[in-house]
Amino acid sequence: MTTTAPEGASRAAAGPTCFCRDCLTDLEIGARRCAACGSPRLVRHRTLSALTLAHIDCDAFYATVEKRDNPEVADRPVIIGGGKRGVVSAACYIARTYGVRSAMPMFKALELCPSAVVIRPDMAKYVRVGREVRQAMQALTPLVEPLSIDEAFLDLSGTERVHGMIPAKVLARFAREVEANIGITVSVGLSCNKFLAKIASDLDKPRGFAALDQDEARQMLADKPVGFIFGVGPATQQRLASHGFRSIADLQRADEIELMKQFGGDGRRLWRLARGIDDRKVVADRGAKTISNETTFDIDIRDYAPLEKTLWRLSEKVSSRLKSSQLAGSTITLKLKTADFRQRTRSQSIAAPTQLAGKIFAICKEMLARETDGTAFRLMGAGVSALRPGSEASDTDMLDRRSASAERAMDALRKKFGQAAVIRGIAYDGPEQTE
């Protein structure tokens, strides 16, 4: 197999340089449609057979899952979020044409797109779907490095004999099967390293497939601002600009030694990435470090009772995600944001991992009591970290076995009859009023 020189150009390898994404038929590199099935969805690149490192990103993941589950909104703009003072968790591609973006305040998103369908996020469901996609990835290669619930790096080096086809075709088949079997779409970026694979996956969204090698990377990167490089935030951009580095082309023209003198180890990293050089390896089984949930209140809250009720609901959501992910954790965190946007984070470690809502709530409740001093809060969150396999969860620390058994019985009833089948007293808001 042809390899990419560490500092230099990619070389074309023997093998197909163009194929159909729908039927995987090999084609001439100049083809416009598949001669076998007529599809215009072709992958072409002169070094296609040599590229083995991929970045896979689910397209508008939360919104796509909701559209899958509710076909009535399939052709409408969908925003995942909620609350007048909340923020957008995700937006479908239709909503994005109106200018809606993730992390945008909900009121601003609805000003831009008043016809949008707003859906509250269902993290437990997204985790389940994300796990299905992850399992499909791991069937391709053991070298899968998750970055989040909906994206990962994959290294398919050495898998051609296993799958009987080049990695590019394996990935095209994977994308097709995810769409058919799971009901969502993904975009694939294929390259020789992580940095370029991540760039490639953004080139052809949604439902895309793009290949990028090191030879073409330098020219493609040249006109981009330095902030295009991952890890270069506003402060670093200002520092670089003060030394005359505003575009990646400026970094490409710089001498590596001079950059190292000015910026230390970061200087060498910037010099290499500006040329599309990235020697980071795909590290398998990185997984989630924290599972959390938070909510922004419609009005600021000072009183303990409504904060406690919200905390229970957050604890249940975190517990549901832990159970769905078959994880447990031994560090429990309470997050509060005051009306003037000051953040308070309080954590407590416990002796044995848990995934129970009751235990998460009990510990967060103690921390909340210490923070409820008349301060007005606009946001609350709960989370669990120091994650371990769910099989290591303990029911005996702080909560007796009877409480743990009751919670698992409620889980079983909800799974069978729906989330509203059983409601803890603290979460009960009274009977619904009818007209």
Protein backbone atom coordinates (compact mmCIF):
# COMPACT_ATOMS: atom_id res chain seq x y z
CA MET A 1 0.00 0.00 0.00
CA THR A 2 1.26 3.48 -0.84
CA THR A 3 1.87 5.62 2.24
CA THR A 4 1.94 9.34 2.80
CA ALA A 5 5.37 10.78 3.47
CA PRO A 6 5.36 12.43 6.89
CA GLU A 7 6.29 15.89 5.63
CA GLY A 8 5.44 15.67 1.97
CA ALA A 9 3.07 14.85 -0.79
CA SER A 10 0.52 12.09 -1.06
CA ARG A 11 1.11 9.71 -3.96
CA ALA A 12 -1.58 8.00 -5.95
CA ALA A 13 -1.93 4.31 -5.15
CA ALA A 14 -2.97 1.51 -7.43
CA GLY A 15 -6.70 0.97 -7.21
CA PRO A 16 -9.94 2.76 -8.08
CA THR A 17 -9.89 6.54 -8.23
CA CYS A 18 -13.66 6.88 -8.75
CA PHE A 19 -16.69 4.79 -7.77
CA CYS A 20 -20.43 5.07 -7.25
CA ARG A 21 -21.53 5.70 -3.66
CA ASP A 22 -24.82 3.89 -4.25
CA CYS A 23 -23.74 0.64 -5.92
CA LEU A 24 -19.92 0.80 -5.38
CA THR A 25 -19.17 0.22 -9.09
CA ASP A 26 -15.68 1.34 -10.17
CA LEU A 27 -15.71 4.15 -12.76
CA GLU A 28 -13.34 6.32 -14.74
CA ILE A 29 -12.26 9.37 -12.79
CA GLY A 30 -13.97 11.68 -15.28
CA ALA A 31 -17.36 9.96 -15.04
CA ARG A 32 -20.40 12.10 -14.26
CA ARG A 33 -22.93 9.33 -13.56
CA CYS A 34 -22.68 5.67 -12.65
CA ALA A 35 -22.76 3.48 -15.76
CA ALA A 36 -24.39 0.69 -13.73
CA CYS A 37 -27.17 2.42 -11.77
CA GLY A 38 -27.27 5.96 -13.16
CA SER A 39 -26.54 7.63 -9.82
CA PRO A 40 -24.71 10.98 -9.87
CA ARG A 41 -23.37 10.36 -6.33
CA LEU A 42 -19.77 9.54 -7.14
CA VAL A 43 -16.56 9.64 -5.10
CA ARG A 44 -13.46 10.63 -7.01
CA HIS A 45 -9.91 11.38 -5.96
CA ARG A 46 -6.56 10.53 -7.50
CA THR A 47 -5.24 9.05 -4.22
CA LEU A 48 -8.50 7.41 -3.14
CA SER A 49 -6.96 3.98 -2.53
CA ALA A 50 -4.25 5.39 -0.24
CA LEU A 51 -6.53 7.28 2.16
CA THR A 52 -7.47 5.39 5.32
CA LEU A 53 -8.33 7.86 8.09
CA ALA A 54 -11.92 9.12 8.29
CA HIS A 55 -14.04 11.55 10.23
CA ILE A 56 -17.73 10.62 10.34
CA ASP A 57 -20.28 13.21 11.43
CA CYS A 58 -24.02 12.64 11.74
CA ASP A 59 -25.93 15.38 9.88
CA ALA A 60 -27.87 17.76 12.19
CA PHE A 61 -28.10 14.75 14.48
CA TYR A 62 -30.79 15.68 17.02
CA ALA A 63 -33.03 17.27 14.40
CA THR A 64 -32.57 14.39 11.97
CA VAL A 65 -33.55 11.85 14.63
CA GLU A 66 -36.71 13.84 15.39
CA LYS A 67 -37.60 14.06 11.70
CA ARG A 68 -37.08 10.33 11.38
CA ASP A 69 -39.51 9.72 14.23
CA ASN A 70 -42.08 12.28 13.06
CA PRO A 71 -42.40 12.32 9.25
CA GLU A 72 -44.93 15.17 9.50
CA VAL A 73 -42.08 17.61 10.18
CA ALA A 74 -39.67 16.11 7.63
CA ASP A 75 -40.03 19.05 5.22
CA ARG A 76 -40.31 21.78 7.86
CA PRO A 77 -37.65 23.79 9.71
CA VAL A 78 -36.98 22.06 13.03
CA ILE A 79 -35.19 23.52 16.03
CA ILE A 80 -34.19 21.39 19.00
CA GLY A 81 -34.32 23.50 22.15
CA GLY A 82 -36.96 25.26 24.16
CA GLY A 83 -37.82 28.03 26.54
CA LYS A 84 -37.74 31.71 25.71
CA ARG A 85 -34.38 32.08 27.43
CA GLY A 86 -32.98 28.74 26.33
CA VAL A 87 -30.55 28.17 23.49
CA VAL A 88 -30.69 26.13 20.29
CA SER A 89 -29.32 22.63 20.83
CA ALA A 90 -29.53 21.77 17.12
CA ALA A 91 -31.17 23.00 13.94
CA CYS A 92 -32.02 21.10 10.79
CA TYR A 93 -30.59 22.23 7.48
CA ILE A 94 -33.85 23.95 6.49
CA ALA A 95 -33.74 26.04 9.67
CA ARG A 96 -30.09 26.84 9.00
CA THR A 97 -31.04 28.53 5.73
CA TYR A 98 -32.82 31.14 7.88
CA GLY A 99 -29.61 31.74 9.83
CA VAL A 100 -30.44 29.56 12.85
CA ARG A 101 -27.35 28.05 14.49
CA SER A 102 -26.53 25.89 17.50
CA ALA A 103 -26.06 27.79 20.79
CA MET A 104 -28.11 30.73 19.46
CA PRO A 105 -30.65 32.13 21.95
CA MET A 106 -34.09 30.67 21.26
CA PHE A 107 -35.76 34.08 20.97
CA LYS A 108 -33.29 35.07 18.26
CA ALA A 109 -33.76 31.75 16.41
CA LEU A 110 -37.55 32.21 16.40
CA GLU A 111 -37.18 35.78 15.17
CA LEU A 112 -35.19 34.46 12.21
CA CYS A 113 -37.45 31.45 11.62
CA PRO A 114 -40.92 31.99 13.15
CA SER A 115 -42.35 29.00 11.27
CA ALA A 116 -39.94 26.55 12.92
CA VAL A 117 -41.18 23.49 14.79
CA VAL A 118 -39.53 23.59 18.23
CA ILE A 119 -38.90 20.22 19.90
CA ARG A 120 -37.54 19.71 23.38
CA PRO A 121 -34.36 17.60 23.33
CA ASP A 122 -34.69 13.92 24.23
CA MET A 123 -31.13 13.04 25.19
CA ALA A 124 -31.89 9.46 26.16
CA LYS A 125 -33.19 8.81 22.66
CA TYR A 126 -30.22 10.53 21.02
CA VAL A 127 -27.83 8.45 23.12
CA ARG A 128 -29.56 5.25 21.99
CA VAL A 129 -29.33 6.22 18.31
CA GLY A 130 -25.73 7.40 18.75
CA ARG A 131 -24.84 4.03 20.24
CA GLU A 132 -26.35 2.25 17.21
CA VAL A 133 -24.18 4.35 14.89
CA ARG A 134 -21.12 3.74 17.09
CA GLN A 135 -21.65 -0.02 16.99
CA ALA A 136 -21.86 0.13 13.20
CA MET A 137 -18.55 2.03 13.15
CA GLN A 138 -16.89 -0.55 15.38
CA ALA A 139 -17.91 -3.27 12.93
CA LEU A 140 -15.60 -1.55 10.40
CA THR A 141 -12.49 -1.19 12.57
CA PRO A 142 -11.51 -1.44 16.24
CA LEU A 143 -9.85 1.97 15.91
CA VAL A 144 -12.85 4.23 16.55
CA GLU A 145 -12.26 7.42 18.56
CA PRO A 146 -15.54 9.09 19.58
CA LEU A 147 -15.49 12.88 19.74
CA SER A 148 -19.11 13.30 20.81
CA ILE A 149 -22.44 11.52 20.65
CA ASP A 150 -22.61 12.01 16.86
CA GLU A 151 -19.06 12.06 15.48
CA ALA A 152 -15.87 10.00 15.55
CA PHE A 153 -12.52 9.39 13.89
CA LEU A 154 -11.89 5.97 12.34
CA ASP A 155 -8.58 4.46 11.21
CA LEU A 156 -9.17 1.78 8.57
CA SER A 157 -5.51 1.05 7.88
CA GLY A 158 -5.01 -2.65 7.17
CA THR A 159 -8.72 -3.47 6.84
CA GLU A 160 -8.82 -3.87 3.05
CA ARG A 161 -8.30 -7.64 3.18
CA VAL A 162 -10.94 -8.00 5.91
CA HIS A 163 -13.63 -6.13 3.98
CA GLY A 164 -12.54 -7.04 0.47
CA MET A 165 -12.53 -3.40 -0.64
CA ILE A 166 -10.67 -0.14 -0.08
CA PRO A 167 -11.58 1.97 3.00
CA ALA A 168 -13.36 4.57 0.84
CA LYS A 169 -15.84 1.94 -0.36
CA VAL A 170 -16.26 0.53 3.15
CA LEU A 171 -17.21 4.00 4.35
CA ALA A 172 -19.61 4.61 1.47
CA ARG A 173 -21.33 1.30 2.22
CA PHE A 174 -21.44 2.22 5.91
CA ALA A 175 -23.16 5.55 5.16
CA ARG A 176 -25.69 3.82 2.94
CA GLU A 177 -26.48 1.18 5.59
CA VAL A 178 -26.83 3.74 8.40
CA GLU A 179 -29.35 5.62 6.29
CA ALA A 180 -31.29 2.45 5.46
CA ASN A 181 -31.15 0.74 8.86
CA ILE A 182 -31.03 3.59 11.39
CA GLY A 183 -32.84 6.25 9.42
CA ILE A 184 -30.37 9.12 9.68
CA THR A 185 -27.65 10.43 7.37
CA VAL A 186 -23.94 10.94 7.90
CA SER A 187 -21.18 12.86 6.14
CA VAL A 188 -17.76 11.28 5.63
CA GLY A 189 -14.39 12.97 5.36
CA LEU A 190 -11.51 10.76 4.20
CA SER A 191 -7.85 11.74 4.34
CA CYS A 192 -4.41 10.79 5.60
CA ASN A 193 -4.73 12.40 9.06
CA LYS A 194 -7.25 13.66 11.60
CA PHE A 195 -6.97 17.38 10.82
CA LEU A 196 -7.66 16.94 7.12
CA ALA A 197 -10.33 14.28 7.64
CA LYS A 198 -12.27 16.67 9.89
CA ILE A 199 -11.99 19.41 7.27
CA ALA A 200 -13.11 17.02 4.53
CA SER A 201 -16.26 15.95 6.39
CA ASP A 202 -17.46 19.57 6.36
CA LEU A 203 -16.93 20.04 2.61
CA ASP A 204 -19.99 18.20 1.33
CA LYS A 205 -22.73 18.32 3.98
CA PRO A 206 -25.30 16.91 4.39
CA ARG A 207 -25.16 13.28 3.20
CA GLY A 208 -21.71 13.99 1.86
CA PHE A 209 -18.45 12.22 1.13
CA ALA A 210 -15.24 14.13 0.46
CA ALA A 211 -11.62 13.05 0.15
CA LEU A 212 -8.64 15.32 0.77
CA ASP A 213 -4.93 14.56 0.65
CA GLN A 214 -1.89 16.41 1.89
CA ASP A 215 -0.83 17.62 -1.54
CA GLU A 216 -3.95 19.73 -2.04
CA ALA A 217 -4.34 20.74 1.59
CA ARG A 218 -1.74 23.51 1.58
CA GLN A 219 -3.40 25.39 -1.27
CA MET A 220 -6.88 24.85 0.14
CA LEU A 221 -5.89 26.10 3.59
CA ALA A 222 -3.93 29.15 2.44
CA ASP A 223 -6.76 31.68 2.31
CA LYS A 224 -8.38 30.56 5.56
CA PRO A 225 -8.00 32.66 8.74
CA VAL A 226 -5.74 31.26 11.45
CA GLY A 227 -8.86 30.58 13.54
CA PHE A 228 -9.71 27.79 11.09
CA ILE A 229 -7.06 25.65 12.82
CA PHE A 230 -8.52 23.72 15.76
CA GLY A 231 -7.44 25.05 19.13
CA VAL A 232 -6.85 28.58 17.84
CA GLY A 233 -9.38 30.66 19.77
CA PRO A 234 -9.88 34.43 19.91
CA ALA A 235 -7.01 35.03 22.36
CA THR A 236 -4.54 33.04 20.26
CA GLN A 237 -5.79 34.76 17.10
CA GLN A 238 -5.05 38.15 18.66
CA ARG A 239 -1.60 37.02 19.72
CA LEU A 240 -0.86 35.69 16.23
CA ALA A 241 -2.18 38.87 14.61
CA SER A 242 0.15 40.96 16.77
CA HIS A 243 3.03 39.08 15.11
CA GLY A 244 1.56 39.52 11.62
CA PHE A 245 -0.11 36.09 11.27
CA ARG A 246 -3.71 36.53 10.19
CA SER A 247 -4.18 33.89 7.51
CA ILE A 248 -2.92 30.33 7.29
CA ALA A 249 -0.86 31.47 4.29
CA ASP A 250 1.05 33.74 6.69
CA LEU A 251 1.90 30.68 8.81
CA GLN A 252 2.88 28.72 5.70
CA ARG A 253 5.41 31.38 4.75
CA ALA A 254 6.93 31.44 8.23
CA ASP A 255 10.05 29.60 9.25
CA GLU A 256 9.38 26.73 11.65
CA ILE A 257 12.24 27.66 13.99
CA GLU A 258 11.12 31.30 14.17
CA LEU A 259 7.56 30.24 15.00
CA MET A 260 8.89 28.01 17.76
CA LYS A 261 10.94 30.89 19.15
CA GLN A 262 7.84 33.09 19.23
CA PHE A 263 5.21 30.58 20.34
CA GLY A 264 7.09 27.57 21.75
CA GLY A 265 5.54 24.17 21.15
CA ASP A 266 2.40 25.82 19.74
CA GLY A 267 4.55 27.37 17.04
CA ARG A 268 5.63 23.98 15.72
CA ARG A 269 2.05 22.67 15.88
CA LEU A 270 0.76 25.67 13.92
CA TRP A 271 3.54 25.39 11.33
CA ARG A 272 2.69 21.72 10.74
CA LEU A 273 -1.09 22.09 10.65
CA ALA A 274 -0.82 25.02 8.25
CA ARG A 275 0.76 22.50 5.85
CA GLY A 276 -1.81 19.78 6.57
CA ILE A 277 0.62 17.74 8.70
CA ASP A 278 -0.92 16.00 11.73
CA ASP A 279 0.62 12.92 13.36
CA ARG A 280 -2.04 12.36 16.05
CA LYS A 281 -3.19 8.74 16.19
CA VAL A 282 -6.75 7.49 16.44
CA VAL A 283 -7.23 6.43 20.07
CA ALA A 284 -10.00 3.87 20.54
CA ASP A 285 -12.61 3.76 23.31
CA ARG A 286 -12.22 7.33 24.47
CA GLY A 287 -15.94 7.56 25.20
CA ALA A 288 -17.85 10.23 27.06
CA LYS A 289 -16.15 11.82 30.08
CA THR A 290 -19.32 13.34 31.55
CA ILE A 291 -23.05 12.82 31.18
CA SER A 292 -25.05 15.88 32.15
CA ASN A 293 -28.25 17.81 31.57
CA GLU A 294 -29.11 21.43 32.17
CA THR A 295 -32.01 23.82 31.75
CA THR A 296 -32.38 27.60 31.46
CA PHE A 297 -35.32 29.01 33.40
CA ASP A 298 -37.94 31.24 31.77
CA ILE A 299 -37.61 33.57 34.78
CA ASP A 300 -34.85 33.76 37.41
CA ILE A 301 -35.49 31.54 40.46
CA ARG A 302 -34.42 32.28 44.04
CA ASP A 303 -36.53 29.88 46.09
CA TYR A 304 -35.37 26.42 47.06
CA ALA A 305 -38.62 24.51 46.36
CA PRO A 306 -38.85 25.15 42.59
CA LEU A 307 -35.09 24.64 42.28
CA GLU A 308 -35.40 21.29 44.05
CA LYS A 309 -38.21 20.20 41.71
CA THR A 310 -36.14 21.10 38.66
CA LEU A 311 -33.15 19.30 40.14
CA TRP A 312 -35.14 16.08 40.41
CA ARG A 313 -36.12 16.25 36.74
CA LEU A 314 -32.50 16.87 35.74
CA SER A 315 -31.36 13.95 37.91
CA GLU A 316 -33.86 11.67 36.19
CA LYS A 317 -32.65 12.75 32.75
CA VAL A 318 -28.99 12.17 33.66
CA SER A 319 -29.89 8.79 35.16
CA SER A 320 -31.79 7.82 32.01
CA ARG A 321 -28.79 8.66 29.83
CA LEU A 322 -26.43 6.73 32.10
CA LYS A 323 -28.67 3.66 31.96
CA SER A 324 -29.12 3.96 28.19
CA SER A 325 -25.33 4.21 27.78
CA GLN A 326 -24.72 1.36 30.26
CA LEU A 327 -22.51 3.65 32.31
CA ALA A 328 -22.20 4.70 35.96
CA GLY A 329 -20.17 7.46 37.60
CA SER A 330 -18.66 8.31 40.95
CA THR A 331 -18.39 12.11 40.73
CA ILE A 332 -21.63 14.10 40.86
CA THR A 333 -21.73 17.77 39.88
CA LEU A 334 -24.22 20.58 40.37
CA LYS A 335 -24.02 23.57 38.02
CA LEU A 336 -25.73 26.90 38.66
CA LYS A 337 -25.60 30.14 36.70
CA THR A 338 -26.68 33.34 38.41
CA ALA A 339 -28.82 36.10 36.90
CA ASP A 340 -25.63 38.06 36.17
CA PHE A 341 -24.13 35.04 34.33
CA ARG A 342 -21.68 33.99 37.05
CA GLN A 343 -21.25 30.23 37.13
CA ARG A 344 -21.07 28.07 40.26
CA THR A 345 -19.93 24.46 39.93
CA ARG A 346 -19.95 22.12 42.91
CA SER A 347 -18.83 18.47 42.81
CA GLN A 348 -18.74 15.55 45.21
CA SER A 349 -17.17 12.12 44.77
CA ILE A 350 -18.81 8.98 46.14
CA ALA A 351 -17.37 5.64 47.13
CA ALA A 352 -18.95 3.54 44.36
CA PRO A 353 -20.29 4.40 40.89
CA THR A 354 -24.03 5.02 40.48
CA GLN A 355 -26.53 5.46 37.70
CA LEU A 356 -29.58 5.99 39.95
CA ALA A 357 -31.60 9.21 39.80
CA GLY A 358 -32.28 9.01 43.52
CA LYS A 359 -28.62 8.99 44.44
CA ILE A 360 -27.72 11.75 41.97
CA PHE A 361 -30.58 13.87 43.35
CA ALA A 362 -29.71 13.21 47.00
CA ILE A 363 -26.13 14.43 46.59
CA CYS A 364 -26.98 17.40 44.35
CA LYS A 365 -29.76 18.37 46.77
CA GLU A 366 -27.25 18.75 49.60
CA MET A 367 -25.06 20.97 47.44
CA LEU A 368 -28.07 22.98 46.25
CA ALA A 369 -29.16 23.67 49.84
CA ARG A 370 -25.79 25.29 50.54
CA GLU A 371 -26.06 27.51 47.44
CA THR A 372 -29.68 28.66 47.94
CA ASP A 373 -28.94 31.90 49.77
CA GLY A 374 -31.34 34.30 48.03
CA THR A 375 -29.26 34.45 44.84
CA ALA A 376 -31.34 34.49 41.65
CA PHE A 377 -30.42 31.68 39.27
CA ARG A 378 -31.12 31.56 35.56
CA LEU A 379 -29.72 28.07 34.83
CA MET A 380 -29.26 24.76 36.61
CA GLY A 381 -27.50 21.59 35.56
CA ALA A 382 -26.61 18.18 36.99
CA GLY A 383 -23.94 15.79 35.79
CA VAL A 384 -22.03 12.61 36.52
CA SER A 385 -18.36 11.99 35.64
CA ALA A 386 -15.57 9.53 36.47
CA LEU A 387 -17.56 7.11 34.32
CA ARG A 388 -17.31 3.32 34.55
CA PRO A 389 -19.21 0.42 32.97
CA GLY A 390 -22.77 0.21 34.25
CA SER A 391 -22.07 -3.26 35.64
CA GLU A 392 -19.93 -1.59 38.33
CA ALA A 393 -22.84 0.51 39.65
CA SER A 394 -23.61 0.06 43.34
CA ASP A 395 -27.09 0.21 44.91
CA THR A 396 -25.90 0.12 48.49
CA ASP A 397 -24.05 3.38 49.03
CA MET A 398 -26.29 6.10 50.52
CA LEU A 399 -29.47 4.57 49.09
CA ASP A 400 -30.78 1.33 50.49
CA ARG A 401 -31.55 -1.61 48.29
CA ARG A 402 -35.30 -1.02 48.60
CA SER A 403 -35.02 2.47 47.07
CA ALA A 404 -32.84 1.16 44.25
CA SER A 405 -35.30 -1.66 43.53
CA ALA A 406 -38.19 0.81 43.47
CA GLU A 407 -36.40 3.04 40.96
CA ARG A 408 -35.62 0.13 38.65
CA ALA A 409 -39.25 -0.99 38.90
CA MET A 410 -40.33 2.51 37.81
CA ASP A 411 -37.89 2.32 34.91
CA ALA A 412 -39.48 -0.94 33.78
CA LEU A 413 -43.00 0.53 33.96
CA ARG A 414 -41.96 3.62 31.99
CA LYS A 415 -40.27 1.48 29.35
CA LYS A 416 -43.52 -0.46 28.92
CA PHE A 417 -46.13 2.29 29.31
CA GLY A 418 -44.29 5.56 28.63
CA GLN A 419 -42.50 8.22 30.69
CA ALA A 420 -45.74 9.55 32.21
CA ALA A 421 -46.70 6.15 33.62
CA VAL A 422 -44.96 6.80 36.94
CA ILE A 423 -44.23 10.24 38.40
CA ARG A 424 -42.37 10.83 41.64
CA GLY A 425 -44.22 13.13 44.05
CA ILE A 426 -41.59 15.85 43.85
CA ALA A 427 -42.08 16.08 40.08
CA TYR A 428 -45.89 16.11 40.20
CA ASP A 429 -47.49 19.39 39.10
CA GLY A 430 -51.09 18.38 39.72
CA PRO A 431 -53.81 17.12 37.37
CA GLU A 432 -54.02 18.54 33.88
CA GLN A 433 -56.69 21.19 33.42
CA THR A 434 -59.20 20.62 30.63
CA GLU A 435 -61.22 23.22 28.78
